[in-house]
Amino acid sequence: MADLTHQFEVDGSSAQLTLSGEIDMRVAPQLRAILHEILQKSPDELIVDLADVPFIDSSGIATLVEALRLQMNANRKLRIQNAVEQVFYTFKITQLTQAFGMQDPGESS
């Protein structure tokens, strides 16, 4: 299994975090550290791109929910985009797609 890799870009008050690799309990602490480092920069909106994430488990979702709560408590936003079908479905069954502003990959824009 490959480790989680990431790329981070800032565009004004918006930031984008692009993740690659499986997000499970093994890499959740790494993801938490990445998110906390980014959130310390106080972006008004953080967009997390999951196009290259084929799998996420409950620990990965919990880590993203923690980041969402931190952003919401500071009146900021966190959105998830480009989730593959399996990852989107995991968020859907946990009823979190709306909280993260996610779009169903099966629907055309």
PDB file of N, CA and C in Angstrom:
ATOM      1  N   MET A   1       0.830  -1.185   0.000  1.00  0.00           N
ATOM      2  CA  MET A   1       0.000   0.000   0.000  1.00  0.00           C
ATOM      3  C   MET A   1       0.870   1.242   0.000  1.00  0.00           C
ATOM      4  N   ALA A   2       0.516   2.191  -0.843  1.00  0.00           N
ATOM      5  CA  ALA A   2       1.250   3.454  -0.904  1.00  0.00           C
ATOM      6  C   ALA A   2       0.739   4.389   0.182  1.00  0.00           C
ATOM      7  N   ASP A   3       1.618   5.260   0.634  1.00  0.00           N
ATOM      8  CA  ASP A   3       1.214   6.254   1.613  1.00  0.00           C
ATOM      9  C   ASP A   3       0.348   7.310   0.952  1.00  0.00           C
ATOM     10  N   LEU A   4      -0.333   8.068   1.783  1.00  0.00           N
ATOM     11  CA  LEU A   4      -1.130   9.181   1.319  1.00  0.00           C
ATOM     12  C   LEU A   4      -0.195  10.288   0.848  1.00  0.00           C
ATOM     13  N   THR A   5      -0.453  10.818  -0.322  1.00  0.00           N
ATOM     14  CA  THR A   5       0.317  11.961  -0.809  1.00  0.00           C
ATOM     15  C   THR A   5      -0.650  13.119  -1.003  1.00  0.00           C
ATOM     16  N   HIS A   6      -0.092  14.326  -0.984  1.00  0.00           N
ATOM     17  CA  HIS A   6      -0.956  15.488  -1.121  1.00  0.00           C
ATOM     18  C   HIS A   6      -0.243  16.626  -1.827  1.00  0.00           C
ATOM     19  N   GLN A   7      -1.061  17.515  -2.357  1.00  0.00           N
ATOM     20  CA  GLN A   7      -0.579  18.737  -2.986  1.00  0.00           C
ATOM     21  C   GLN A   7      -1.491  19.847  -2.481  1.00  0.00           C
ATOM     22  N   PHE A   8      -0.909  20.988  -2.173  1.00  0.00           N
ATOM     23  CA  PHE A   8      -1.666  22.083  -1.597  1.00  0.00           C
ATOM     24  C   PHE A   8      -1.420  23.357  -2.384  1.00  0.00           C
ATOM     25  N   GLU A   9      -2.502  24.049  -2.742  1.00  0.00           N
ATOM     26  CA  GLU A   9      -2.399  25.299  -3.492  1.00  0.00           C
ATOM     27  C   GLU A   9      -3.314  26.338  -2.861  1.00  0.00           C
ATOM     28  N   VAL A  10      -2.866  27.584  -2.869  1.00  0.00           N
ATOM     29  CA  VAL A  10      -3.668  28.693  -2.356  1.00  0.00           C
ATOM     30  C   VAL A  10      -3.960  29.637  -3.504  1.00  0.00           C
ATOM     31  N   ASP A  11      -5.216  30.084  -3.577  1.00  0.00           N
ATOM     32  CA  ASP A  11      -5.628  31.069  -4.579  1.00  0.00           C
ATOM     33  C   ASP A  11      -6.457  32.118  -3.844  1.00  0.00           C
ATOM     34  N   GLY A  12      -5.815  33.179  -3.409  1.00  0.00           N
ATOM     35  CA  GLY A  12      -6.496  34.205  -2.635  1.00  0.00           C
ATOM     36  C   GLY A  12      -6.921  33.665  -1.286  1.00  0.00           C
ATOM     37  N   SER A  13      -8.229  33.744  -1.000  1.00  0.00           N
ATOM     38  CA  SER A  13      -8.729  33.271   0.295  1.00  0.00           C
ATOM     39  C   SER A  13      -9.199  31.820   0.230  1.00  0.00           C
ATOM     40  N   SER A  14      -9.000  31.186  -0.935  1.00  0.00           N
ATOM     41  CA  SER A  14      -9.396  29.794  -1.117  1.00  0.00           C
ATOM     42  C   SER A  14      -8.153  28.913  -1.210  1.00  0.00           C
ATOM     43  N   ALA A  15      -8.272  27.711  -0.703  1.00  0.00           N
ATOM     44  CA  ALA A  15      -7.160  26.761  -0.748  1.00  0.00           C
ATOM     45  C   ALA A  15      -7.681  25.429  -1.265  1.00  0.00           C
ATOM     46  N   GLN A  16      -6.816  24.711  -1.979  1.00  0.00           N
ATOM     47  CA  GLN A  16      -7.198  23.389  -2.472  1.00  0.00           C
ATOM     48  C   GLN A  16      -6.165  22.367  -2.035  1.00  0.00           C
ATOM     49  N   LEU A  17      -6.669  21.295  -1.455  1.00  0.00           N
ATOM     50  CA  LEU A  17      -5.851  20.169  -1.038  1.00  0.00           C
ATOM     51  C   LEU A  17      -6.227  18.995  -1.927  1.00  0.00           C
ATOM     52  N   THR A  18      -5.262  18.496  -2.692  1.00  0.00           N
ATOM     53  CA  THR A  18      -5.484  17.342  -3.554  1.00  0.00           C
ATOM     54  C   THR A  18      -4.807  16.142  -2.898  1.00  0.00           C
ATOM     55  N   LEU A  19      -5.589  15.105  -2.645  1.00  0.00           N
ATOM     56  CA  LEU A  19      -5.079  13.913  -1.974  1.00  0.00           C
ATOM     57  C   LEU A  19      -4.996  12.748  -2.957  1.00  0.00           C
ATOM     58  N   SER A  20      -4.015  11.876  -2.737  1.00  0.00           N
ATOM     59  CA  SER A  20      -3.850  10.672  -3.549  1.00  0.00           C
ATOM     60  C   SER A  20      -3.532   9.504  -2.634  1.00  0.00           C
ATOM     61  N   GLY A  21      -4.240   8.394  -2.849  1.00  0.00           N
ATOM     62  CA  GLY A  21      -4.010   7.185  -2.068  1.00  0.00           C
ATOM     63  C   GLY A  21      -5.227   6.843  -1.226  1.00  0.00           C
ATOM     64  N   GLU A  22      -5.184   5.668  -0.636  1.00  0.00           N
ATOM     65  CA  GLU A  22      -6.276   5.236   0.228  1.00  0.00           C
ATOM     66  C   GLU A  22      -6.211   5.975   1.553  1.00  0.00           C
ATOM     67  N   ILE A  23      -7.378   6.345   2.064  1.00  0.00           N
ATOM     68  CA  ILE A  23      -7.456   7.020   3.357  1.00  0.00           C
ATOM     69  C   ILE A  23      -8.106   6.050   4.329  1.00  0.00           C
ATOM     70  N   ASP A  24      -7.291   5.514   5.215  1.00  0.00           N
ATOM     71  CA  ASP A  24      -7.783   4.564   6.209  1.00  0.00           C
ATOM     72  C   ASP A  24      -7.148   4.893   7.558  1.00  0.00           C
ATOM     73  N   MET A  25      -7.396   4.030   8.537  1.00  0.00           N
ATOM     74  CA  MET A  25      -6.912   4.304   9.894  1.00  0.00           C
ATOM     75  C   MET A  25      -5.391   4.410   9.961  1.00  0.00           C
ATOM     76  N   ARG A  26      -4.709   3.825   9.014  1.00  0.00           N
ATOM     77  CA  ARG A  26      -3.245   3.873   9.013  1.00  0.00           C
ATOM     78  C   ARG A  26      -2.730   5.264   8.656  1.00  0.00           C
ATOM     79  N   VAL A  27      -3.431   5.970   7.763  1.00  0.00           N
ATOM     80  CA  VAL A  27      -2.965   7.296   7.327  1.00  0.00           C
ATOM     81  C   VAL A  27      -3.800   8.444   7.899  1.00  0.00           C
ATOM     82  N   ALA A  28      -4.854   8.140   8.657  1.00  0.00           N
ATOM     83  CA  ALA A  28      -5.688   9.198   9.229  1.00  0.00           C
ATOM     84  C   ALA A  28      -4.879  10.197  10.069  1.00  0.00           C
ATOM     85  N   PRO A  29      -3.922   9.749  10.889  1.00  0.00           N
ATOM     86  CA  PRO A  29      -3.123  10.736  11.642  1.00  0.00           C
ATOM     87  C   PRO A  29      -2.320  11.667  10.725  1.00  0.00           C
ATOM     88  N   GLN A  30      -1.821  11.134   9.618  1.00  0.00           N
ATOM     89  CA  GLN A  30      -1.101  11.951   8.638  1.00  0.00           C
ATOM     90  C   GLN A  30      -2.051  12.978   8.024  1.00  0.00           C
ATOM     91  N   LEU A  31      -3.251  12.556   7.647  1.00  0.00           N
ATOM     92  CA  LEU A  31      -4.242  13.464   7.083  1.00  0.00           C
ATOM     93  C   LEU A  31      -4.617  14.538   8.097  1.00  0.00           C
ATOM     94  N   ARG A  32      -4.810  14.149   9.341  1.00  0.00           N
ATOM     95  CA  ARG A  32      -5.156  15.111  10.397  1.00  0.00           C
ATOM     96  C   ARG A  32      -4.072  16.183  10.509  1.00  0.00           C
ATOM     97  N   ALA A  33      -2.817  15.780  10.488  1.00  0.00           N
ATOM     98  CA  ALA A  33      -1.709  16.743  10.581  1.00  0.00           C
ATOM     99  C   ALA A  33      -1.692  17.687   9.381  1.00  0.00           C
ATOM    100  N   ILE A  34      -1.924  17.152   8.190  1.00  0.00           N
ATOM    101  CA  ILE A  34      -1.967  17.969   6.969  1.00  0.00           C
ATOM    102  C   ILE A  34      -3.092  18.999   7.076  1.00  0.00           C
ATOM    103  N   LEU A  35      -4.271  18.544   7.467  1.00  0.00           N
ATOM    104  CA  LEU A  35      -5.422  19.439   7.562  1.00  0.00           C
ATOM    105  C   LEU A  35      -5.209  20.521   8.611  1.00  0.00           C
ATOM    106  N   HIS A  36      -4.666  20.148   9.765  1.00  0.00           N
ATOM    107  CA  HIS A  36      -4.433  21.141  10.819  1.00  0.00           C
ATOM    108  C   HIS A  36      -3.423  22.192  10.377  1.00  0.00           C
ATOM    109  N   GLU A  37      -2.397  21.772   9.671  1.00  0.00           N
ATOM    110  CA  GLU A  37      -1.405  22.722   9.160  1.00  0.00           C
ATOM    111  C   GLU A  37      -2.059  23.700   8.186  1.00  0.00           C
ATOM    112  N   ILE A  38      -2.915  23.195   7.300  1.00  0.00           N
ATOM    113  CA  ILE A  38      -3.601  24.053   6.327  1.00  0.00           C
ATOM    114  C   ILE A  38      -4.586  24.983   7.025  1.00  0.00           C
ATOM    115  N   LEU A  39      -5.357  24.460   7.970  1.00  0.00           N
ATOM    116  CA  LEU A  39      -6.377  25.275   8.631  1.00  0.00           C
ATOM    117  C   LEU A  39      -5.756  26.385   9.473  1.00  0.00           C
ATOM    118  N   GLN A  40      -4.515  26.219   9.896  1.00  0.00           N
ATOM    119  CA  GLN A  40      -3.827  27.290  10.626  1.00  0.00           C
ATOM    120  C   GLN A  40      -3.592  28.502   9.728  1.00  0.00           C
ATOM    121  N   LYS A  41      -3.626  28.306   8.422  1.00  0.00           N
ATOM    122  CA  LYS A  41      -3.467  29.402   7.457  1.00  0.00           C
ATOM    123  C   LYS A  41      -4.780  30.160   7.258  1.00  0.00           C
ATOM    124  N   SER A  42      -5.856  29.667   7.874  1.00  0.00           N
ATOM    125  CA  SER A  42      -7.184  30.300   7.877  1.00  0.00           C
ATOM    126  C   SER A  42      -7.784  30.587   6.493  1.00  0.00           C
ATOM    127  N   PRO A  43      -7.819  29.590   5.607  1.00  0.00           N
ATOM    128  CA  PRO A  43      -8.479  29.848   4.321  1.00  0.00           C
ATOM    129  C   PRO A  43      -9.991  29.996   4.527  1.00  0.00           C
ATOM    130  N   ASP A  44     -10.608  30.942   3.797  1.00  0.00           N
ATOM    131  CA  ASP A  44     -12.063  31.106   3.892  1.00  0.00           C
ATOM    132  C   ASP A  44     -12.773  29.856   3.399  1.00  0.00           C
ATOM    133  N   GLU A  45     -12.171  29.213   2.396  1.00  0.00           N
ATOM    134  CA  GLU A  45     -12.732  27.977   1.868  1.00  0.00           C
ATOM    135  C   GLU A  45     -11.597  27.005   1.585  1.00  0.00           C
ATOM    136  N   LEU A  46     -11.763  25.787   2.048  1.00  0.00           N
ATOM    137  CA  LEU A  46     -10.826  24.720   1.740  1.00  0.00           C
ATOM    138  C   LEU A  46     -11.562  23.702   0.886  1.00  0.00           C
ATOM    139  N   ILE A  47     -11.007  23.435  -0.296  1.00  0.00           N
ATOM    140  CA  ILE A  47     -11.568  22.438  -1.199  1.00  0.00           C
ATOM    141  C   ILE A  47     -10.651  21.222  -1.150  1.00  0.00           C
ATOM    142  N   VAL A  48     -11.220  20.071  -0.842  1.00  0.00           N
ATOM    143  CA  VAL A  48     -10.455  18.831  -0.775  1.00  0.00           C
ATOM    144  C   VAL A  48     -10.833  17.997  -1.998  1.00  0.00           C
ATOM    145  N   ASP A  49      -9.853  17.763  -2.858  1.00  0.00           N
ATOM    146  CA  ASP A  49     -10.067  17.010  -4.095  1.00  0.00           C
ATOM    147  C   ASP A  49      -9.703  15.548  -3.849  1.00  0.00           C
ATOM    148  N   LEU A  50     -10.693  14.674  -4.038  1.00  0.00           N
ATOM    149  CA  LEU A  50     -10.500  13.243  -3.775  1.00  0.00           C
ATOM    150  C   LEU A  50     -10.491  12.404  -5.061  1.00  0.00           C
ATOM    151  N   ALA A  51     -10.196  13.013  -6.197  1.00  0.00           N
ATOM    152  CA  ALA A  51     -10.225  12.290  -7.477  1.00  0.00           C
ATOM    153  C   ALA A  51      -9.289  11.082  -7.482  1.00  0.00           C
ATOM    154  N   ASP A  52      -8.173  11.170  -6.758  1.00  0.00           N
ATOM    155  CA  ASP A  52      -7.191  10.081  -6.734  1.00  0.00           C
ATOM    156  C   ASP A  52      -7.235   9.284  -5.434  1.00  0.00           C
ATOM    157  N   VAL A  53      -8.397   9.300  -4.782  1.00  0.00           N
ATOM    158  CA  VAL A  53      -8.598   8.526  -3.552  1.00  0.00           C
ATOM    159  C   VAL A  53      -9.608   7.426  -3.860  1.00  0.00           C
ATOM    160  N   PRO A  54      -9.137   6.175  -3.988  1.00  0.00           N
ATOM    161  CA  PRO A  54     -10.049   5.088  -4.352  1.00  0.00           C
ATOM    162  C   PRO A  54     -10.849   4.519  -3.181  1.00  0.00           C
ATOM    163  N   PHE A  55     -10.430   4.857  -1.945  1.00  0.00           N
ATOM    164  CA  PHE A  55     -11.067   4.251  -0.772  1.00  0.00           C
ATOM    165  C   PHE A  55     -10.911   5.180   0.419  1.00  0.00           C
ATOM    166  N   ILE A  56     -11.974   5.268   1.230  1.00  0.00           N
ATOM    167  CA  ILE A  56     -11.897   5.990   2.500  1.00  0.00           C
ATOM    168  C   ILE A  56     -12.691   5.199   3.526  1.00  0.00           C
ATOM    169  N   ASP A  57     -12.151   5.085   4.740  1.00  0.00           N
ATOM    170  CA  ASP A  57     -12.878   4.377   5.789  1.00  0.00           C
ATOM    171  C   ASP A  57     -13.385   5.387   6.821  1.00  0.00           C
ATOM    172  N   SER A  58     -13.992   4.884   7.884  1.00  0.00           N
ATOM    173  CA  SER A  58     -14.620   5.753   8.879  1.00  0.00           C
ATOM    174  C   SER A  58     -13.619   6.672   9.574  1.00  0.00           C
ATOM    175  N   SER A  59     -12.379   6.231   9.738  1.00  0.00           N
ATOM    176  CA  SER A  59     -11.390   7.098  10.392  1.00  0.00           C
ATOM    177  C   SER A  59     -11.020   8.273   9.487  1.00  0.00           C
ATOM    178  N   GLY A  60     -10.983   8.032   8.179  1.00  0.00           N
ATOM    179  CA  GLY A  60     -10.729   9.118   7.240  1.00  0.00           C
ATOM    180  C   GLY A  60     -11.878  10.105   7.206  1.00  0.00           C
ATOM    181  N   ILE A  61     -13.103   9.584   7.220  1.00  0.00           N
ATOM    182  CA  ILE A  61     -14.272  10.459   7.235  1.00  0.00           C
ATOM    183  C   ILE A  61     -14.295  11.264   8.534  1.00  0.00           C
ATOM    184  N   ALA A  62     -14.010  10.616   9.654  1.00  0.00           N
ATOM    185  CA  ALA A  62     -13.997  11.327  10.940  1.00  0.00           C
ATOM    186  C   ALA A  62     -12.977  12.465  10.930  1.00  0.00           C
ATOM    187  N   THR A  63     -11.845  12.237  10.303  1.00  0.00           N
ATOM    188  CA  THR A  63     -10.812  13.270  10.222  1.00  0.00           C
ATOM    189  C   THR A  63     -11.303  14.454   9.397  1.00  0.00           C
ATOM    190  N   LEU A  64     -11.986  14.188   8.294  1.00  0.00           N
ATOM    191  CA  LEU A  64     -12.533  15.262   7.469  1.00  0.00           C
ATOM    192  C   LEU A  64     -13.680  15.980   8.181  1.00  0.00           C
ATOM    193  N   VAL A  65     -14.496  15.254   8.933  1.00  0.00           N
ATOM    194  CA  VAL A  65     -15.573  15.881   9.714  1.00  0.00           C
ATOM    195  C   VAL A  65     -14.973  16.807  10.772  1.00  0.00           C
ATOM    196  N   GLU A  66     -13.896  16.386  11.395  1.00  0.00           N
ATOM    197  CA  GLU A  66     -13.209  17.224  12.384  1.00  0.00           C
ATOM    198  C   GLU A  66     -12.752  18.535  11.737  1.00  0.00           C
ATOM    199  N   ALA A  67     -12.171  18.451  10.543  1.00  0.00           N
ATOM    200  CA  ALA A  67     -11.729  19.650   9.822  1.00  0.00           C
ATOM    201  C   ALA A  67     -12.922  20.518   9.427  1.00  0.00           C
ATOM    202  N   LEU A  68     -14.018  19.885   9.006  1.00  0.00           N
ATOM    203  CA  LEU A  68     -15.233  20.622   8.655  1.00  0.00           C
ATOM    204  C   LEU A  68     -15.739  21.404   9.868  1.00  0.00           C
ATOM    205  N   ARG A  69     -15.766  20.774  11.014  1.00  0.00           N
ATOM    206  CA  ARG A  69     -16.229  21.452  12.236  1.00  0.00           C
ATOM    207  C   ARG A  69     -15.335  22.634  12.594  1.00  0.00           C
ATOM    208  N   LEU A  70     -14.032  22.465  12.458  1.00  0.00           N
ATOM    209  CA  LEU A  70     -13.112  23.570  12.732  1.00  0.00           C
ATOM    210  C   LEU A  70     -13.381  24.741  11.788  1.00  0.00           C
ATOM    211  N   GLN A  71     -13.588  24.434  10.513  1.00  0.00           N
ATOM    212  CA  GLN A  71     -13.882  25.483   9.531  1.00  0.00           C
ATOM    213  C   GLN A  71     -15.227  26.158   9.851  1.00  0.00           C
ATOM    214  N   MET A  72     -16.237  25.368  10.155  1.00  0.00           N
ATOM    215  CA  MET A  72     -17.558  25.925  10.447  1.00  0.00           C
ATOM    216  C   MET A  72     -17.524  26.794  11.704  1.00  0.00           C
ATOM    217  N   ASN A  73     -16.796  26.361  12.719  1.00  0.00           N
ATOM    218  CA  ASN A  73     -16.682  27.139  13.961  1.00  0.00           C
ATOM    219  C   ASN A  73     -16.015  28.487  13.715  1.00  0.00           C
ATOM    220  N   ALA A  74     -15.225  28.581  12.663  1.00  0.00           N
ATOM    221  CA  ALA A  74     -14.548  29.834  12.307  1.00  0.00           C
ATOM    222  C   ALA A  74     -15.292  30.554  11.173  1.00  0.00           C
ATOM    223  N   ASN A  75     -16.542  30.142  10.901  1.00  0.00           N
ATOM    224  CA  ASN A  75     -17.350  30.711   9.808  1.00  0.00           C
ATOM    225  C   ASN A  75     -16.657  30.601   8.457  1.00  0.00           C
ATOM    226  N   ARG A  76     -16.020  29.464   8.250  1.00  0.00           N
ATOM    227  CA  ARG A  76     -15.363  29.181   6.977  1.00  0.00           C
ATOM    228  C   ARG A  76     -15.962  27.903   6.392  1.00  0.00           C
ATOM    229  N   LYS A  77     -15.571  27.580   5.157  1.00  0.00           N
ATOM    230  CA  LYS A  77     -16.154  26.425   4.464  1.00  0.00           C
ATOM    231  C   LYS A  77     -15.106  25.357   4.166  1.00  0.00           C
ATOM    232  N   LEU A  78     -15.573  24.133   4.068  1.00  0.00           N
ATOM    233  CA  LEU A  78     -14.769  23.010   3.587  1.00  0.00           C
ATOM    234  C   LEU A  78     -15.665  22.217   2.641  1.00  0.00           C
ATOM    235  N   ARG A  79     -15.202  22.041   1.416  1.00  0.00           N
ATOM    236  CA  ARG A  79     -15.946  21.273   0.417  1.00  0.00           C
ATOM    237  C   ARG A  79     -15.093  20.121  -0.082  1.00  0.00           C
ATOM    238  N   ILE A  80     -15.760  19.052  -0.460  1.00  0.00           N
ATOM    239  CA  ILE A  80     -15.075  17.918  -1.082  1.00  0.00           C
ATOM    240  C   ILE A  80     -15.545  17.847  -2.526  1.00  0.00           C
ATOM    241  N   GLN A  81     -14.592  17.680  -3.433  1.00  0.00           N
ATOM    242  CA  GLN A  81     -14.952  17.573  -4.848  1.00  0.00           C
ATOM    243  C   GLN A  81     -14.271  16.374  -5.491  1.00  0.00           C
ATOM    244  N   ASN A  82     -14.826  15.965  -6.614  1.00  0.00           N
ATOM    245  CA  ASN A  82     -14.266  14.917  -7.475  1.00  0.00           C
ATOM    246  C   ASN A  82     -14.116  13.555  -6.812  1.00  0.00           C
ATOM    247  N   ALA A  83     -14.975  13.246  -5.854  1.00  0.00           N
ATOM    248  CA  ALA A  83     -14.910  11.923  -5.226  1.00  0.00           C
ATOM    249  C   ALA A  83     -15.327  10.857  -6.237  1.00  0.00           C
ATOM    250  N   VAL A  84     -14.568   9.775  -6.289  1.00  0.00           N
ATOM    251  CA  VAL A  84     -14.941   8.652  -7.149  1.00  0.00           C
ATOM    252  C   VAL A  84     -16.197   8.000  -6.570  1.00  0.00           C
ATOM    253  N   GLU A  85     -16.852   7.188  -7.374  1.00  0.00           N
ATOM    254  CA  GLU A  85     -18.149   6.631  -6.994  1.00  0.00           C
ATOM    255  C   GLU A  85     -18.134   5.910  -5.640  1.00  0.00           C
ATOM    256  N   GLN A  86     -17.148   5.053  -5.417  1.00  0.00           N
ATOM    257  CA  GLN A  86     -17.098   4.292  -4.160  1.00  0.00           C
ATOM    258  C   GLN A  86     -16.927   5.216  -2.962  1.00  0.00           C
ATOM    259  N   VAL A  87     -16.083   6.210  -3.098  1.00  0.00           N
ATOM    260  CA  VAL A  87     -15.856   7.162  -2.002  1.00  0.00           C
ATOM    261  C   VAL A  87     -17.105   8.010  -1.784  1.00  0.00           C
ATOM    262  N   PHE A  88     -17.727   8.469  -2.870  1.00  0.00           N
ATOM    263  CA  PHE A  88     -18.962   9.243  -2.752  1.00  0.00           C
ATOM    264  C   PHE A  88     -20.023   8.423  -2.020  1.00  0.00           C
ATOM    265  N   TYR A  89     -20.146   7.149  -2.383  1.00  0.00           N
ATOM    266  CA  TYR A  89     -21.141   6.281  -1.760  1.00  0.00           C
ATOM    267  C   TYR A  89     -20.906   6.168  -0.253  1.00  0.00           C
ATOM    268  N   THR A  90     -19.653   6.094   0.161  1.00  0.00           N
ATOM    269  CA  THR A  90     -19.341   6.019   1.589  1.00  0.00           C
ATOM    270  C   THR A  90     -19.841   7.272   2.308  1.00  0.00           C
ATOM    271  N   PHE A  91     -19.639   8.435   1.700  1.00  0.00           N
ATOM    272  CA  PHE A  91     -20.159   9.674   2.290  1.00  0.00           C
ATOM    273  C   PHE A  91     -21.685   9.698   2.247  1.00  0.00           C
ATOM    274  N   LYS A  92     -22.254   9.153   1.189  1.00  0.00           N
ATOM    275  CA  LYS A  92     -23.716   9.155   1.035  1.00  0.00           C
ATOM    276  C   LYS A  92     -24.377   8.315   2.119  1.00  0.00           C
ATOM    277  N   ILE A  93     -23.846   7.120   2.393  1.00  0.00           N
ATOM    278  CA  ILE A  93     -24.487   6.268   3.408  1.00  0.00           C
ATOM    279  C   ILE A  93     -24.317   6.833   4.817  1.00  0.00           C
ATOM    280  N   THR A  94     -23.336   7.706   4.997  1.00  0.00           N
ATOM    281  CA  THR A  94     -23.166   8.360   6.297  1.00  0.00           C
ATOM    282  C   THR A  94     -23.901   9.708   6.329  1.00  0.00           C
ATOM    283  N   GLN A  95     -24.615  10.013   5.255  1.00  0.00           N
ATOM    284  CA  GLN A  95     -25.422  11.227   5.122  1.00  0.00           C
ATOM    285  C   GLN A  95     -24.599  12.498   5.295  1.00  0.00           C
ATOM    286  N   LEU A  96     -23.398  12.518   4.701  1.00  0.00           N
ATOM    287  CA  LEU A  96     -22.511  13.670   4.814  1.00  0.00           C
ATOM    288  C   LEU A  96     -22.286  14.408   3.496  1.00  0.00           C
ATOM    289  N   THR A  97     -22.907  13.944   2.419  1.00  0.00           N
ATOM    290  CA  THR A  97     -22.643  14.580   1.122  1.00  0.00           C
ATOM    291  C   THR A  97     -23.051  16.049   1.123  1.00  0.00           C
ATOM    292  N   GLN A  98     -24.168  16.360   1.704  1.00  0.00           N
ATOM    293  CA  GLN A  98     -24.641  17.746   1.722  1.00  0.00           C
ATOM    294  C   GLN A  98     -23.745  18.610   2.605  1.00  0.00           C
ATOM    295  N   ALA A  99     -23.327  18.098   3.743  1.00  0.00           N
ATOM    296  CA  ALA A  99     -22.472  18.862   4.654  1.00  0.00           C
ATOM    297  C   ALA A  99     -21.164  19.275   3.972  1.00  0.00           C
ATOM    298  N   PHE A 100     -20.658  18.408   3.091  1.00  0.00           N
ATOM    299  CA  PHE A 100     -19.409  18.688   2.393  1.00  0.00           C
ATOM    300  C   PHE A 100     -19.639  19.282   0.995  1.00  0.00           C
ATOM    301  N   GLY A 101     -20.888  19.537   0.630  1.00  0.00           N
ATOM    302  CA  GLY A 101     -21.185  20.122  -0.684  1.00  0.00           C
ATOM    303  C   GLY A 101     -20.770  19.230  -1.838  1.00  0.00           C
ATOM    304  N   MET A 102     -20.906  17.926  -1.657  1.00  0.00           N
ATOM    305  CA  MET A 102     -20.451  16.959  -2.661  1.00  0.00           C
ATOM    306  C   MET A 102     -21.485  16.762  -3.758  1.00  0.00           C
ATOM    307  N   GLN A 103     -20.991  16.507  -4.972  1.00  0.00           N
ATOM    308  CA  GLN A 103     -21.858  16.182  -6.091  1.00  0.00           C
ATOM    309  C   GLN A 103     -21.663  14.723  -6.473  1.00  0.00           C
ATOM    310  N   ASP A 104     -22.767  14.068  -6.775  1.00  0.00           N
ATOM    311  CA  ASP A 104     -22.758  12.665  -7.176  1.00  0.00           C
ATOM    312  C   ASP A 104     -21.963  12.530  -8.474  1.00  0.00           C
ATOM    313  N   PRO A 105     -20.905  11.666  -8.486  1.00  0.00           N
ATOM    314  CA  PRO A 105     -20.119  11.511  -9.703  1.00  0.00           C
ATOM    315  C   PRO A 105     -20.912  10.927 -10.859  1.00  0.00           C
ATOM    316  N   GLY A 106     -22.066  10.344 -10.585  1.00  0.00           N
ATOM    317  CA  GLY A 106     -22.915   9.786 -11.634  1.00  0.00           C
ATOM    318  C   GLY A 106     -23.763  10.830 -12.340  1.00  0.00           C
ATOM    319  N   GLU A 107     -23.867  12.023 -11.735  1.00  0.00           N
ATOM    320  CA  GLU A 107     -24.651  13.097 -12.329  1.00  0.00           C
ATOM    321  C   GLU A 107     -23.746  14.004 -13.129  1.00  0.00           C
ATOM    322  N   SER A 108     -24.203  14.399 -14.297  1.00  0.00           N
ATOM    323  CA  SER A 108     -23.415  15.335 -15.115  1.00  0.00           C
ATOM    324  C   SER A 108     -23.644  16.752 -14.609  1.00  0.00           C
ATOM    325  N   SER A 109     -22.629  17.592 -14.734  1.00  0.00           N
ATOM    326  CA  SER A 109     -22.697  18.961 -14.227  1.00  0.00           C
ATOM    327  C   SER A 109     -23.578  19.823 -15.105  1.00  0.00           C
TER     328      SER A 109
END
